Amino acid sequence: MLIRKPSSIVFNAMIDPDQTTNFWFTKSSGKLEAGKTVTWTWEMYNVSTEVEVKEIIENEKIVFKWNERTVEFIFKSLSNGFTYVVVTESGYKETGSALLGAIKDSTGGFTTVLDGMKAFLEHGINLNLIADKFPKEAIQHGN
């Protein structure tokens, strides 16, 4: 995803929960730092997860482990001062159709995160994409 901001701003939005809560989780136990474990919470879904930060290269890369998978965010600075963000996730244990479903869910989830990040950083808008993805009433009625 291309984000029309310098890599320092985009990178900081991922490590600083005061920024990240505008487009991903609702609460964090702290800023991302190499070697540190933080808890991310999505209060609207009553879900939390532990995130173990494996590597941080300022303005370039964030690697963390969660739910037995490794996630890598790469921030590529472009000549026009913008940033191209690439997300990969590895360590899947599933096979066959379960693996395809897990990859589909992961791809969709990270796409939603990057879409929300782009809207927030470029336009100052919190689109509530994560909060609105699975509204309780719609899910309870099987919609």
C-alpha atoms as a PDB file:
ATOM      1  CA  MET A   1       0.000   0.000   0.000  1.00  0.00           C
ATOM      2  CA  LEU A   2       1.309   3.433  -0.935  1.00  0.00           C
ATOM      3  CA  ILE A   3       0.932   5.974   1.847  1.00  0.00           C
ATOM      4  CA  ARG A   4       1.585   9.583   0.935  1.00  0.00           C
ATOM      5  CA  LYS A   5       3.694  10.365   3.994  1.00  0.00           C
ATOM      6  CA  PRO A   6       7.410   9.960   4.796  1.00  0.00           C
ATOM      7  CA  SER A   7       8.504   6.594   6.181  1.00  0.00           C
ATOM      8  CA  SER A   8       9.283   8.111   9.602  1.00  0.00           C
ATOM      9  CA  ILE A   9       5.611   9.091  10.025  1.00  0.00           C
ATOM     10  CA  VAL A  10       4.255   5.781   8.707  1.00  0.00           C
ATOM     11  CA  PHE A  11       6.695   3.752  10.797  1.00  0.00           C
ATOM     12  CA  ASN A  12       5.866   5.728  13.939  1.00  0.00           C
ATOM     13  CA  ALA A  13       2.147   5.130  13.361  1.00  0.00           C
ATOM     14  CA  MET A  14       2.821   1.385  13.680  1.00  0.00           C
ATOM     15  CA  ILE A  15       4.983   1.470  16.811  1.00  0.00           C
ATOM     16  CA  ASP A  16       3.143   4.198  18.778  1.00  0.00           C
ATOM     17  CA  PRO A  17      -0.200   2.970  20.126  1.00  0.00           C
ATOM     18  CA  ASP A  18      -1.475   6.552  20.386  1.00  0.00           C
ATOM     19  CA  GLN A  19      -1.386   6.471  16.576  1.00  0.00           C
ATOM     20  CA  THR A  20      -2.159   2.799  15.894  1.00  0.00           C
ATOM     21  CA  THR A  21      -5.375   2.874  17.913  1.00  0.00           C
ATOM     22  CA  ASN A  22      -6.798   5.157  15.233  1.00  0.00           C
ATOM     23  CA  PHE A  23      -6.771   2.375  12.638  1.00  0.00           C
ATOM     24  CA  TRP A  24      -6.168  -1.055  14.233  1.00  0.00           C
ATOM     25  CA  PHE A  25      -6.521  -2.152  17.887  1.00  0.00           C
ATOM     26  CA  THR A  26      -8.226  -0.079  20.593  1.00  0.00           C
ATOM     27  CA  LYS A  27      -5.682  -0.503  23.394  1.00  0.00           C
ATOM     28  CA  SER A  28      -2.025  -1.492  23.834  1.00  0.00           C
ATOM     29  CA  SER A  29       0.124  -2.119  26.890  1.00  0.00           C
ATOM     30  CA  GLY A  30       2.939  -0.133  25.296  1.00  0.00           C
ATOM     31  CA  LYS A  31       4.974   1.032  22.357  1.00  0.00           C
ATOM     32  CA  LEU A  32       6.636  -1.558  20.108  1.00  0.00           C
ATOM     33  CA  GLU A  33      10.288  -2.049  21.021  1.00  0.00           C
ATOM     34  CA  ALA A  34      12.618  -4.895  20.042  1.00  0.00           C
ATOM     35  CA  GLY A  35      12.642  -7.643  22.673  1.00  0.00           C
ATOM     36  CA  LYS A  36       9.463  -6.391  24.320  1.00  0.00           C
ATOM     37  CA  THR A  37       6.094  -8.150  24.564  1.00  0.00           C
ATOM     38  CA  VAL A  38       2.962  -6.016  24.456  1.00  0.00           C
ATOM     39  CA  THR A  39      -0.728  -6.810  24.640  1.00  0.00           C
ATOM     40  CA  TRP A  40      -3.057  -5.499  21.958  1.00  0.00           C
ATOM     41  CA  THR A  41      -6.780  -5.363  22.691  1.00  0.00           C
ATOM     42  CA  TRP A  42      -9.804  -4.952  20.447  1.00  0.00           C
ATOM     43  CA  GLU A  43     -12.336  -3.877  23.066  1.00  0.00           C
ATOM     44  CA  MET A  44     -15.338  -4.032  20.707  1.00  0.00           C
ATOM     45  CA  TYR A  45     -14.715  -7.777  20.260  1.00  0.00           C
ATOM     46  CA  ASN A  46     -13.436  -8.460  23.797  1.00  0.00           C
ATOM     47  CA  VAL A  47     -10.245  -9.948  22.283  1.00  0.00           C
ATOM     48  CA  SER A  48      -6.579  -9.494  23.224  1.00  0.00           C
ATOM     49  CA  THR A  49      -3.348 -10.973  21.938  1.00  0.00           C
ATOM     50  CA  GLU A  50       0.280 -10.979  23.019  1.00  0.00           C
ATOM     51  CA  VAL A  51       2.720  -9.487  20.514  1.00  0.00           C
ATOM     52  CA  GLU A  52       6.402 -10.361  20.878  1.00  0.00           C
ATOM     53  CA  VAL A  53       8.550  -7.801  19.044  1.00  0.00           C
ATOM     54  CA  LYS A  54      11.439  -9.599  17.351  1.00  0.00           C
ATOM     55  CA  GLU A  55      13.112  -6.843  15.337  1.00  0.00           C
ATOM     56  CA  ILE A  56      12.824  -3.148  14.659  1.00  0.00           C
ATOM     57  CA  ILE A  57      14.869  -1.185  12.149  1.00  0.00           C
ATOM     58  CA  GLU A  58      13.784   2.415  12.501  1.00  0.00           C
ATOM     59  CA  ASN A  59      11.706   3.668   9.571  1.00  0.00           C
ATOM     60  CA  GLU A  60      12.341   0.415   7.657  1.00  0.00           C
ATOM     61  CA  LYS A  61      11.094  -2.750   9.342  1.00  0.00           C
ATOM     62  CA  ILE A  62       9.010  -4.192  12.180  1.00  0.00           C
ATOM     63  CA  VAL A  63       8.914  -7.930  12.879  1.00  0.00           C
ATOM     64  CA  PHE A  64       6.689  -9.425  15.546  1.00  0.00           C
ATOM     65  CA  LYS A  65       5.317 -12.793  16.530  1.00  0.00           C
ATOM     66  CA  TRP A  66       1.696 -13.341  17.478  1.00  0.00           C
ATOM     67  CA  ASN A  67      -0.563 -16.386  17.540  1.00  0.00           C
ATOM     68  CA  GLU A  68       2.404 -18.603  16.536  1.00  0.00           C
ATOM     69  CA  ARG A  69       2.909 -16.600  13.329  1.00  0.00           C
ATOM     70  CA  THR A  70       5.545 -14.051  12.372  1.00  0.00           C
ATOM     71  CA  VAL A  71       4.477 -10.752  10.822  1.00  0.00           C
ATOM     72  CA  GLU A  72       6.839  -8.421   9.001  1.00  0.00           C
ATOM     73  CA  PHE A  73       6.073  -4.830   8.028  1.00  0.00           C
ATOM     74  CA  ILE A  74       8.519  -3.318   5.516  1.00  0.00           C
ATOM     75  CA  PHE A  75       8.512   0.453   4.967  1.00  0.00           C
ATOM     76  CA  LYS A  76      10.103   1.427   1.645  1.00  0.00           C
ATOM     77  CA  SER A  77      10.899   5.126   1.260  1.00  0.00           C
ATOM     78  CA  LEU A  78      10.133   6.353  -2.248  1.00  0.00           C
ATOM     79  CA  SER A  79      11.906   9.220  -4.008  1.00  0.00           C
ATOM     80  CA  ASN A  80       8.805  11.440  -3.808  1.00  0.00           C
ATOM     81  CA  GLY A  81       8.830  11.286   0.010  1.00  0.00           C
ATOM     82  CA  PHE A  82       6.028   8.731   0.174  1.00  0.00           C
ATOM     83  CA  THR A  83       6.174   5.235   1.702  1.00  0.00           C
ATOM     84  CA  TYR A  84       5.273   1.843   0.293  1.00  0.00           C
ATOM     85  CA  VAL A  85       4.279  -0.639   3.019  1.00  0.00           C
ATOM     86  CA  VAL A  86       4.473  -4.404   2.517  1.00  0.00           C
ATOM     87  CA  VAL A  87       3.121  -6.882   5.094  1.00  0.00           C
ATOM     88  CA  THR A  88       3.963 -10.585   5.151  1.00  0.00           C
ATOM     89  CA  GLU A  89       2.898 -13.259   7.599  1.00  0.00           C
ATOM     90  CA  SER A  90       4.574 -16.658   7.933  1.00  0.00           C
ATOM     91  CA  GLY A  91       4.460 -19.685  10.183  1.00  0.00           C
ATOM     92  CA  TYR A  92       1.110 -21.109   9.175  1.00  0.00           C
ATOM     93  CA  LYS A  93       0.428 -24.575  10.605  1.00  0.00           C
ATOM     94  CA  GLU A  94      -2.767 -25.159   8.630  1.00  0.00           C
ATOM     95  CA  THR A  95      -2.882 -27.250   5.458  1.00  0.00           C
ATOM     96  CA  GLY A  96      -5.200 -27.603   2.472  1.00  0.00           C
ATOM     97  CA  SER A  97      -8.405 -25.591   2.519  1.00  0.00           C
ATOM     98  CA  ALA A  98      -7.784 -24.494   6.119  1.00  0.00           C
ATOM     99  CA  LEU A  99      -4.491 -22.926   4.980  1.00  0.00           C
ATOM    100  CA  LEU A 100      -6.220 -21.128   2.114  1.00  0.00           C
ATOM    101  CA  GLY A 101      -8.837 -19.801   4.553  1.00  0.00           C
ATOM    102  CA  ALA A 102      -6.174 -18.604   6.993  1.00  0.00           C
ATOM    103  CA  ILE A 103      -4.247 -16.827   4.228  1.00  0.00           C
ATOM    104  CA  LYS A 104      -7.468 -15.225   2.947  1.00  0.00           C
ATOM    105  CA  ASP A 105      -8.375 -14.005   6.444  1.00  0.00           C
ATOM    106  CA  SER A 106      -4.861 -12.673   7.053  1.00  0.00           C
ATOM    107  CA  THR A 107      -4.693 -10.905   3.703  1.00  0.00           C
ATOM    108  CA  GLY A 108      -8.100  -9.324   4.244  1.00  0.00           C
ATOM    109  CA  GLY A 109      -7.227  -8.274   7.780  1.00  0.00           C
ATOM    110  CA  PHE A 110      -3.919  -6.643   6.925  1.00  0.00           C
ATOM    111  CA  THR A 111      -5.464  -4.953   3.883  1.00  0.00           C
ATOM    112  CA  THR A 112      -8.074  -3.430   6.189  1.00  0.00           C
ATOM    113  CA  VAL A 113      -5.331  -2.247   8.577  1.00  0.00           C
ATOM    114  CA  LEU A 114      -3.363  -0.627   5.743  1.00  0.00           C
ATOM    115  CA  ASP A 115      -6.508   0.990   4.314  1.00  0.00           C
ATOM    116  CA  GLY A 116      -7.282   2.455   7.734  1.00  0.00           C
ATOM    117  CA  MET A 117      -3.697   3.611   8.211  1.00  0.00           C
ATOM    118  CA  LYS A 118      -3.732   5.348   4.829  1.00  0.00           C
ATOM    119  CA  ALA A 119      -6.981   7.203   5.598  1.00  0.00           C
ATOM    120  CA  PHE A 120      -5.741   8.238   9.039  1.00  0.00           C
ATOM    121  CA  LEU A 121      -2.259   9.373   8.007  1.00  0.00           C
ATOM    122  CA  GLU A 122      -3.202  11.063   4.742  1.00  0.00           C
ATOM    123  CA  HIS A 123      -6.539  12.601   5.760  1.00  0.00           C
ATOM    124  CA  GLY A 124      -6.769  12.440   9.562  1.00  0.00           C
ATOM    125  CA  ILE A 125      -9.848  10.227   9.342  1.00  0.00           C
ATOM    126  CA  ASN A 126     -10.547   7.206  11.536  1.00  0.00           C
ATOM    127  CA  LEU A 127     -12.775   5.095   9.279  1.00  0.00           C
ATOM    128  CA  ASN A 128     -13.563   2.591  12.092  1.00  0.00           C
ATOM    129  CA  LEU A 129     -12.802  -0.215   9.628  1.00  0.00           C
ATOM    130  CA  ILE A 130     -11.819  -2.777  12.263  1.00  0.00           C
ATOM    131  CA  ALA A 131     -14.661  -1.875  14.621  1.00  0.00           C
ATOM    132  CA  ASP A 132     -17.232  -2.025  11.830  1.00  0.00           C
ATOM    133  CA  LYS A 133     -16.002  -5.224  10.167  1.00  0.00           C
ATOM    134  CA  PHE A 134     -18.029  -7.556  12.380  1.00  0.00           C
ATOM    135  CA  PRO A 135     -20.888  -5.644  14.071  1.00  0.00           C
ATOM    136  CA  LYS A 136     -22.503  -7.780  16.797  1.00  0.00           C
ATOM    137  CA  GLU A 137     -26.051  -7.391  15.546  1.00  0.00           C
ATOM    138  CA  ALA A 138     -25.189  -8.504  11.991  1.00  0.00           C
ATOM    139  CA  ILE A 139     -23.124 -11.466  13.210  1.00  0.00           C
ATOM    140  CA  GLN A 140     -25.791 -12.580  15.705  1.00  0.00           C
ATOM    141  CA  HIS A 141     -28.357 -12.711  12.905  1.00  0.00           C
ATOM    142  CA  GLY A 142     -26.043 -14.672  10.618  1.00  0.00           C
ATOM    143  CA  ASN A 143     -25.695 -11.839   8.084  1.00  0.00           C
END
